[in-house]
Amino acid sequence: MKNEDRQVLEKIVGYCNDVESLKRISFQYSCNMCIIQIGELVSRLSDEFLVEHSEIPWHAIKAMRNLHAHDYERVDLGMVWPRLQKRFRN
C-alpha cells in the first residue's frame, strides 16, 4: 500500500471515530441534562412524600443536580456514564 493511501485511510478512520465519539458525547450530555431535571423535580416533592420514602437518598439526588448544574466543570462524564449504565441496567 502506498504511504499516501495509508495516510488518507487513517484520516477516514479518524473521522469515523470522531462521529462515533460525538454520538456518545451527545448521549452523555443528554443524560447529564436528565440528572439536572430529575434533581429539580425532586425539589418539588412534598416534605410528606420525602419522609414517607426516606429510603431514597433525596438529598444526594439534589446534590448531584447542583453539581451538574452549577459545578459542571468538575463533572467527569467518563465516570458518570458507567455508573448510570450499572445503576439502570435491566
Protein backbone atom coordinates (compact mmCIF):
# COMPACT_ATOMS: atom_id res chain seq x y z
CA MET A 1 0.00 0.00 0.00
CA LYS A 2 1.27 3.45 -0.84
CA ASN A 3 2.11 5.70 2.08
CA GLU A 4 -0.30 8.38 0.79
CA ASP A 5 -3.13 5.84 0.63
CA ARG A 6 -2.39 4.75 4.19
CA GLN A 7 -2.48 8.38 5.40
CA VAL A 8 -5.78 9.02 3.63
CA LEU A 9 -7.30 5.86 5.10
CA GLU A 10 -6.07 6.81 8.58
CA LYS A 11 -7.79 10.19 8.21
CA ILE A 12 -11.01 8.49 7.10
CA VAL A 13 -10.91 6.18 10.12
CA GLY A 14 -10.19 9.19 12.33
CA TYR A 15 -13.27 11.00 11.05
CA CYS A 16 -15.40 7.89 11.54
CA ASN A 17 -14.16 7.61 15.12
CA ASP A 18 -14.95 11.29 15.68
CA VAL A 19 -18.54 10.75 14.51
CA GLU A 20 -18.97 7.81 16.89
CA SER A 21 -17.38 9.78 19.70
CA LEU A 22 -19.70 12.74 19.07
CA LYS A 23 -22.74 10.45 19.19
CA ARG A 24 -21.57 9.06 22.51
CA ILE A 25 -20.79 12.52 23.90
CA SER A 26 -24.18 13.87 22.81
CA PHE A 27 -25.90 10.99 24.56
CA GLN A 28 -23.82 11.56 27.68
CA TYR A 29 -24.70 15.26 27.67
CA SER A 30 -28.36 14.28 27.34
CA CYS A 31 -28.01 12.03 30.38
CA ASN A 32 -26.39 14.92 32.21
CA MET A 33 -29.44 17.08 31.46
CA CYS A 34 -31.74 14.33 32.74
CA ILE A 35 -29.81 14.28 36.03
CA ILE A 36 -30.39 18.03 36.31
CA GLN A 37 -34.10 17.68 35.54
CA ILE A 38 -34.59 14.80 38.00
CA GLY A 39 -32.90 16.77 40.77
CA GLU A 40 -35.04 19.80 40.00
CA LEU A 41 -38.22 17.74 40.11
CA VAL A 42 -37.19 16.12 43.41
CA SER A 43 -37.11 19.58 44.96
CA ARG A 44 -40.82 19.93 44.10
CA LEU A 45 -41.90 16.84 46.04
CA SER A 46 -43.73 17.47 49.28
CA ASP A 47 -41.94 17.01 52.59
CA GLU A 48 -44.56 14.41 53.48
CA PHE A 49 -43.70 12.32 50.42
CA LEU A 50 -39.97 12.63 51.08
CA VAL A 51 -40.45 11.39 54.65
CA GLU A 52 -42.70 8.53 53.54
CA HIS A 53 -39.98 7.42 51.12
CA SER A 54 -36.92 8.17 53.20
CA GLU A 55 -35.16 5.07 51.87
CA ILE A 56 -34.39 7.09 48.74
CA PRO A 57 -31.37 9.41 49.06
CA TRP A 58 -33.26 12.60 48.12
CA HIS A 59 -30.54 14.88 49.44
CA ALA A 60 -27.91 13.10 47.34
CA ILE A 61 -30.09 13.38 44.24
CA LYS A 62 -30.46 17.13 44.75
CA ALA A 63 -26.74 17.46 45.48
CA MET A 64 -25.93 15.63 42.23
CA ARG A 65 -28.25 18.01 40.38
CA ASN A 66 -26.47 21.00 41.88
CA LEU A 67 -23.09 19.60 40.89
CA HIS A 68 -24.19 19.03 37.29
CA ALA A 69 -25.96 22.39 37.04
CA HIS A 70 -23.53 24.69 38.84
CA ASP A 71 -20.16 22.98 39.07
CA TYR A 72 -20.25 21.18 35.74
CA GLU A 73 -16.54 21.59 35.04
CA ARG A 74 -15.95 19.10 37.87
CA VAL A 75 -18.31 16.53 36.35
CA ASP A 76 -16.40 13.67 34.76
CA LEU A 77 -18.73 12.22 32.15
CA GLY A 78 -16.33 9.30 31.86
CA MET A 79 -17.29 8.36 35.41
CA VAL A 80 -20.98 9.32 35.28
CA TRP A 81 -21.82 7.26 32.23
CA PRO A 82 -20.57 3.87 33.53
CA ARG A 83 -22.36 4.47 36.84
CA LEU A 84 -25.63 5.24 35.05
CA GLN A 85 -25.26 2.10 32.97
CA LYS A 86 -24.59 -0.02 36.07
CA ARG A 87 -27.39 1.58 38.08
CA PHE A 88 -30.10 1.28 35.42
CA ARG A 89 -29.08 -1.96 33.74
CA ASN A 90 -32.05 -4.30 33.34
